[in-house]
Every structure is written in structure tokens, then in C-alpha cells.
Protein backbone atom coordinates (compact mmCIF):
# COMPACT_ATOMS: atom_id res chain seq x y z
CA MET A 1 39.47 71.07 312.70
CA LYS A 2 39.80 73.82 314.78
CA THR A 3 42.32 75.12 311.93
CA LYS A 4 39.69 75.04 309.69
CA ASN A 5 37.53 76.68 311.32
CA TYR A 6 39.88 79.25 311.86
CA LEU A 7 40.45 79.47 308.39
CA ILE A 8 36.84 79.34 307.42
CA LYS A 9 36.17 82.40 310.21
CA ILE A 10 38.97 84.80 308.53
CA CYS A 11 38.03 84.31 305.34
CA THR A 12 34.55 84.92 306.29
CA PHE A 13 35.64 88.49 307.69
CA VAL A 14 37.59 89.46 304.61
CA LEU A 15 34.54 88.80 302.68
CA ILE A 16 32.14 90.93 305.39
CA PHE A 17 35.33 93.53 304.92
CA PHE A 18 35.47 93.88 301.39
CA ILE A 19 31.91 94.15 300.90
CA LEU A 20 31.45 96.99 304.01
CA PHE A 21 34.40 99.05 301.72
CA ARG A 22 33.16 98.23 298.09
CA ALA A 23 29.37 99.29 299.89
CA VAL A 24 31.45 102.59 301.82
CA TYR A 25 33.12 103.73 298.81
CA ALA A 26 30.38 103.72 296.33
CA ALA A 27 28.69 105.41 298.66
CA ASN A 28 31.06 107.78 298.45
CA GLU A 29 32.11 108.34 294.82
CA PRO A 30 31.80 111.51 292.68
CA THR A 31 28.43 111.68 291.01
CA GLY A 32 27.93 113.26 287.44
CA ALA A 33 27.28 116.99 287.62
CA THR A 34 23.49 118.12 285.89
CA ILE A 35 23.89 121.55 284.58
CA VAL A 36 21.15 124.01 285.25
CA PHE A 37 23.47 127.41 283.39
CA ASN A 38 25.74 127.87 281.18
CA GLU A 39 26.95 131.27 279.65
CA THR A 40 29.27 131.24 277.26
CA GLU A 41 31.67 134.29 276.19
CA THR A 42 35.23 135.22 275.16
CA LYS A 43 37.12 138.50 274.67
CA THR A 44 36.37 140.84 271.53
CA PRO A 45 39.98 141.74 269.86
CA ALA A 46 41.13 144.73 270.37
CA ALA A 47 40.91 147.33 267.69
CA ALA A 48 43.70 148.25 265.74
CA THR A 49 45.96 151.01 265.92
CA PHE A 50 47.65 153.21 263.76
CA VAL A 51 50.81 155.31 262.68
CA ASN A 52 50.94 157.85 260.44
CA THR A 53 54.43 158.92 259.34
CA THR A 54 56.31 161.12 256.63
CA GLY A 55 57.18 159.67 253.63
CA GLY A 56 61.18 159.24 253.33
CA SER A 57 60.89 158.38 257.39
CA PHE A 58 62.07 154.64 258.67
CA THR A 59 60.26 153.82 261.78
CA THR A 60 60.74 151.23 264.28
CA LEU A 61 57.90 150.04 266.52
CA VAL A 62 57.41 148.39 269.38
CA LEU A 63 54.93 145.95 269.18
CA PHE A 64 52.45 144.40 271.95
CA ALA A 65 49.30 141.75 271.68
CA GLU A 66 47.33 140.03 274.19
CA THR A 67 45.67 137.28 272.64
CA GLN A 68 43.19 135.09 273.40
CA ASN A 69 44.79 131.55 274.14
CA PRO A 70 42.64 128.95 271.90
CA ARG A 71 44.68 125.74 273.34
CA TRP A 72 43.24 126.88 277.33
CA LYS A 73 39.51 127.14 277.69
CA ALA A 74 38.14 127.93 281.27
CA TYR A 75 34.81 126.98 283.18
CA VAL A 76 33.77 129.11 286.36
CA GLY A 77 30.60 129.51 288.47
CA ASN A 78 29.00 127.82 291.89
CA ILE A 79 27.53 124.64 293.41
CA THR A 80 24.45 124.20 294.55
CA GLY A 81 23.08 119.95 295.90
CA ILE A 82 22.25 117.57 298.92
CA LEU A 83 23.17 115.44 300.75
CA THR A 84 21.41 112.22 300.22
CA LEU A 85 20.82 108.47 301.29
CA ASP A 86 18.76 106.46 298.20
CA ASP A 87 18.21 103.36 297.48
CA ALA A 88 19.51 101.61 293.68
CA SER A 89 15.79 102.92 292.42
CA ASP A 90 16.84 106.94 293.44
CA TYR A 91 13.87 106.61 296.27
CA THR A 92 14.95 109.16 299.14
CA ILE A 93 14.51 108.68 302.52
CA TYR A 94 16.29 111.18 303.60
CA ASN A 95 18.49 114.12 302.33
CA TRP A 96 19.85 117.35 304.17
CA GLN A 97 20.27 121.19 301.86
CA LEU A 98 23.65 122.19 302.21
CA SER A 99 24.28 125.65 303.15
CA SER A 100 27.85 125.68 302.49
CA THR A 101 30.49 123.82 299.76
CA SER A 102 33.41 122.02 300.14
CA GLY A 103 34.44 118.65 297.94
CA GLN A 104 35.88 118.82 293.75
CA VAL A 105 35.13 119.35 291.49
CA TYR A 106 36.48 116.93 287.94
CA ALA A 107 36.06 116.92 284.53
CA SER A 108 37.84 115.17 281.73
CA ARG A 109 37.50 113.93 278.10
CA ASN A 110 35.61 110.71 278.74
CA ASN A 111 32.85 110.24 280.10
CA SER A 112 33.77 106.95 282.63
CA ILE A 113 36.32 106.76 285.60
CA THR A 114 36.94 104.44 288.08
CA TRP A 115 37.38 106.45 290.67
CA GLU A 116 38.87 103.38 292.83
CA ASP A 117 42.08 103.41 290.55
CA ILE A 118 42.21 107.34 290.84
CA GLN A 119 45.74 109.02 291.80
CA CYS A 120 47.71 112.12 290.82
CA ALA A 121 48.32 112.11 286.61
CA ASP A 122 52.27 111.21 286.07
CA GLN A 123 54.83 112.41 283.62
CA THR A 124 54.07 110.05 281.23
CA GLU A 125 50.17 110.38 281.59
CA ILE A 126 50.84 114.38 281.13
CA SER A 127 52.97 113.81 277.87
CA ASP A 128 50.49 111.52 275.97
CA GLU A 129 47.35 114.14 276.97
CA GLU A 130 49.65 116.87 275.52
CA THR A 131 49.85 114.55 272.19
CA VAL A 132 46.37 114.12 271.98
CA MET A 133 45.97 118.09 272.02
CA ASN A 134 48.96 118.71 270.38
CA HIS A 135 49.94 120.61 272.83
CA THR A 136 54.05 121.00 272.51
CA THR A 137 55.79 120.09 276.01
CA ALA A 138 58.43 122.45 276.45
CA ASN A 139 56.03 126.17 275.21
CA GLU A 140 54.94 128.35 277.89
CA ASP A 141 51.28 127.06 278.06
CA SER A 142 51.71 123.39 277.53
CA ILE A 143 49.64 121.05 280.08
CA ASN A 144 53.45 119.88 281.39
CA SER A 145 53.80 124.18 282.10
CA THR A 146 50.81 125.57 283.39
CA PHE A 147 51.15 122.73 285.82
CA GLU A 148 54.06 123.04 287.24
CA TYR A 149 54.16 122.88 290.33
CA GLN A 150 53.29 119.97 292.99
CA ILE A 151 51.02 122.46 296.24
CA HIS A 152 47.94 121.62 296.86
CA ARG A 153 45.96 120.88 300.12
CA GLU A 154 46.19 117.12 300.92
CA PHE A 155 41.95 116.41 300.02
CA TYR A 156 39.74 112.31 299.20
CA VAL A 157 38.78 111.40 295.49
CA GLY A 158 35.75 109.27 296.94
CA ALA A 159 37.77 106.71 299.49
CA VAL A 160 41.22 107.34 297.88
CA HIS A 161 43.48 109.78 300.30
CA LEU A 162 45.73 112.11 298.12
CA SER A 163 48.47 113.84 299.99
CA ALA A 164 49.19 117.80 300.10
CA ASP A 165 51.77 118.20 297.56
CA SER A 166 51.65 114.86 295.69
CA CYS A 167 50.29 116.16 292.21
CA ARG A 168 50.81 118.33 289.63
CA SER A 169 49.12 121.40 289.76
CA THR A 170 48.27 125.13 289.45
CA ALA A 171 45.65 127.75 291.11
CA THR A 172 43.79 130.20 288.79
CA TRP A 173 44.17 134.14 289.44
CA VAL A 174 41.81 135.58 291.57
CA ASN A 175 40.62 139.60 291.33
CA ASP A 176 42.86 139.16 288.02
CA SER A 177 45.96 138.82 289.30
CA SER A 178 47.79 135.87 289.55
CA GLN A 179 48.15 133.99 293.53
CA THR A 180 51.24 132.86 294.73
CA ILE A 181 51.29 128.88 295.33
CA SER A 182 50.39 127.69 298.58
CA GLN A 183 48.70 125.29 300.60
CA ASN A 184 46.75 128.24 301.25
CA ALA A 185 45.56 129.13 298.06
CA LEU A 186 42.51 129.51 296.50
CA PHE A 187 40.92 127.53 293.82
CA GLN A 188 43.57 125.18 293.82
CA GLU A 189 43.42 123.13 290.74
CA VAL A 190 45.34 119.24 289.85
CA LEU A 191 46.32 116.72 287.46
CA LEU A 192 44.03 112.54 288.48
CA SER A 193 43.88 109.80 286.41
CA ASP A 194 42.63 106.52 286.58
CA THR A 195 45.31 105.06 284.97
CA SER A 196 43.42 105.19 281.66
CA SER A 197 41.16 108.55 281.63
CA PHE A 198 43.02 111.79 282.09
CA ILE A 199 40.82 114.33 284.74
CA TYR A 200 40.99 118.20 285.72
CA ALA A 201 40.16 118.31 289.49
CA THR A 202 39.27 121.89 291.25
CA LEU A 203 39.52 122.29 295.05
CA LEU A 204 36.03 123.56 296.13
CA GLU A 205 35.47 127.05 297.48
CA ASN A 206 32.37 128.39 299.58
CA SER A 207 31.49 131.32 297.65
CA LYS A 208 35.12 133.25 297.59
CA GLN A 209 36.06 136.17 295.39
CA GLY A 210 37.49 134.81 291.92
CA PHE A 211 38.68 135.97 288.56
CA ASN A 212 36.62 139.01 287.98
CA PHE A 213 36.15 140.17 291.49
CA GLU A 214 32.89 137.99 291.71
CA GLN A 215 32.08 135.23 294.29
CA HIS A 216 32.67 131.55 292.79
CA ASP A 217 32.44 128.14 294.23
CA PHE A 218 34.99 126.75 291.71
CA GLN A 219 37.30 128.10 288.57
CA MET A 220 39.60 125.29 286.32
CA ILE A 221 41.12 125.67 283.33
CA VAL A 222 40.95 122.47 280.57
CA ALA A 223 43.52 121.96 277.47
CA GLU A 224 41.67 122.79 274.20
CA LYS A 225 42.96 120.75 270.87
CA ASP A 226 45.59 122.53 268.88
CA LEU A 227 44.51 122.03 265.76
CA GLN A 228 43.05 124.60 263.10
CA GLY A 229 39.92 123.35 261.84
CA GLU A 230 39.21 121.41 264.58
CA GLN A 231 36.01 120.48 266.75
CA SER A 232 36.31 122.19 269.96
CA THR A 233 36.67 119.70 273.05
CA PRO A 234 33.55 117.79 275.33
CA TYR A 235 34.36 118.10 278.45
CA TYR A 236 32.32 115.58 281.26
CA PHE A 237 31.83 117.13 284.35
CA TRP A 238 31.25 114.87 288.64
CA VAL A 239 30.86 116.52 291.57
CA GLU A 240 31.47 115.05 294.80
CA LEU A 241 29.63 117.23 297.98
CA VAL A 242 31.42 116.33 301.16
């Protein structure tokens, strides 16, 4: 009888722990972002230059071109939000206005993420995403080559801890120049997966000088399909404020 009661107590404890863990995890999940402003722009191609040479001459030219990359697109901006205590019907008992931002922005082609299954994207998942997006792995601008580092700060996705330098990563530019990749770099971006969805995550900054000398909370790049005539790829966004 004592053994039976002991087992009942153990099972009850495990069940309570699991329920509490699930409740804590659900409270910490990233939430779908509401887009309150959207301004999209692209670079205007440079005008043509000309050479005027005399008849009968032979001219050797060295040409330089700066071409907008159709296989990638960028998202930058700022985050506004609150920390709140709401019930399942979205009624609020209390909330807190944020004076600074920290956390992550996530983007994925899939609109549903299993956050408790988050992990670093492995090489197979990166290669699979390249296949979907028609990227060639060996190219300088492939997903594999762009996220060539494994250097970033530690962070949490919900209750899942991701150790420093555990995921494939990069860092976007600051002040129109590339950064030295380190754990102290601004606007770090890492590749994640929930085993079925490929996810880009950028670590939030708090109004730091970004690529264009202006203040931003986040910068991120995501892959686009390298297929002529294809429609552009939609991405879904989530924000996690901590």
C-alpha cells in the first residue's frame, strides 16, 4: 500500500509539473506580429555609360556592375509593443508599456510554427530550403554561403534555450559597411527550424544605428526564389518581447 501511494504521489507530481511547464511555455511563445507600417523600395539601376572610340581602333574594357540581388530581400524597422496578462478571451487584467526592446523577430514561409520544437537548422534543412528556393549551394549568395558563421549570442525562443554559437548565423551591415562577426555584433540573424518549418530569427536591438545610419530595432534578410516568372514569396512574422 505504501508503494502504491508513493507511486500515486510521484505520478501526481509529474502531472502537475507538466501542466505548469506547459502553462509557462504557452505564456512565453512568440506572438504573430501586427504590421502597422509598410514601405517597400528598391534600388534604381545605374544609368548606362558610353565610350566613343575612333574607327579602326581596338579597345579593351574592364567593366564593373552593381546589380540588385533578386535572390534575397530585406526587412528593417522598429518594434512597439506591450507586455500583458490576458485570459483566453483576450481580456486584460494588466499590462506594461515598454520603454526599450529586447527579444527576437522571426520570419518563415510557413504560417504555423511549433515553438516547443525549435532548434538550430541543420545542414540538411538548409539544403532543403535552398532546393525549394532554387538556390545553388556553391554560389556566394546561397543560404549556405550567406549564413556561413556559427557565432551569435545565446537567447531563448519561448522556453527553449539556444546556446551561444550553436546555430548558423550572420550579421547584417551597419553604417553601410560589413561588421566583424562576433557575439557583440549588432543585428545578428540565425537559422532555426521546428523540424518542418525553416525560420529566420534576428535578435532585437534597442534603437541602434543600422545599415543606413538611422536607428532601427531589427534588420533581417530572407531568401527569395531564384525562378524567372515566379510570384514573390510571402513571409509570416512573429515577435517575442522579453
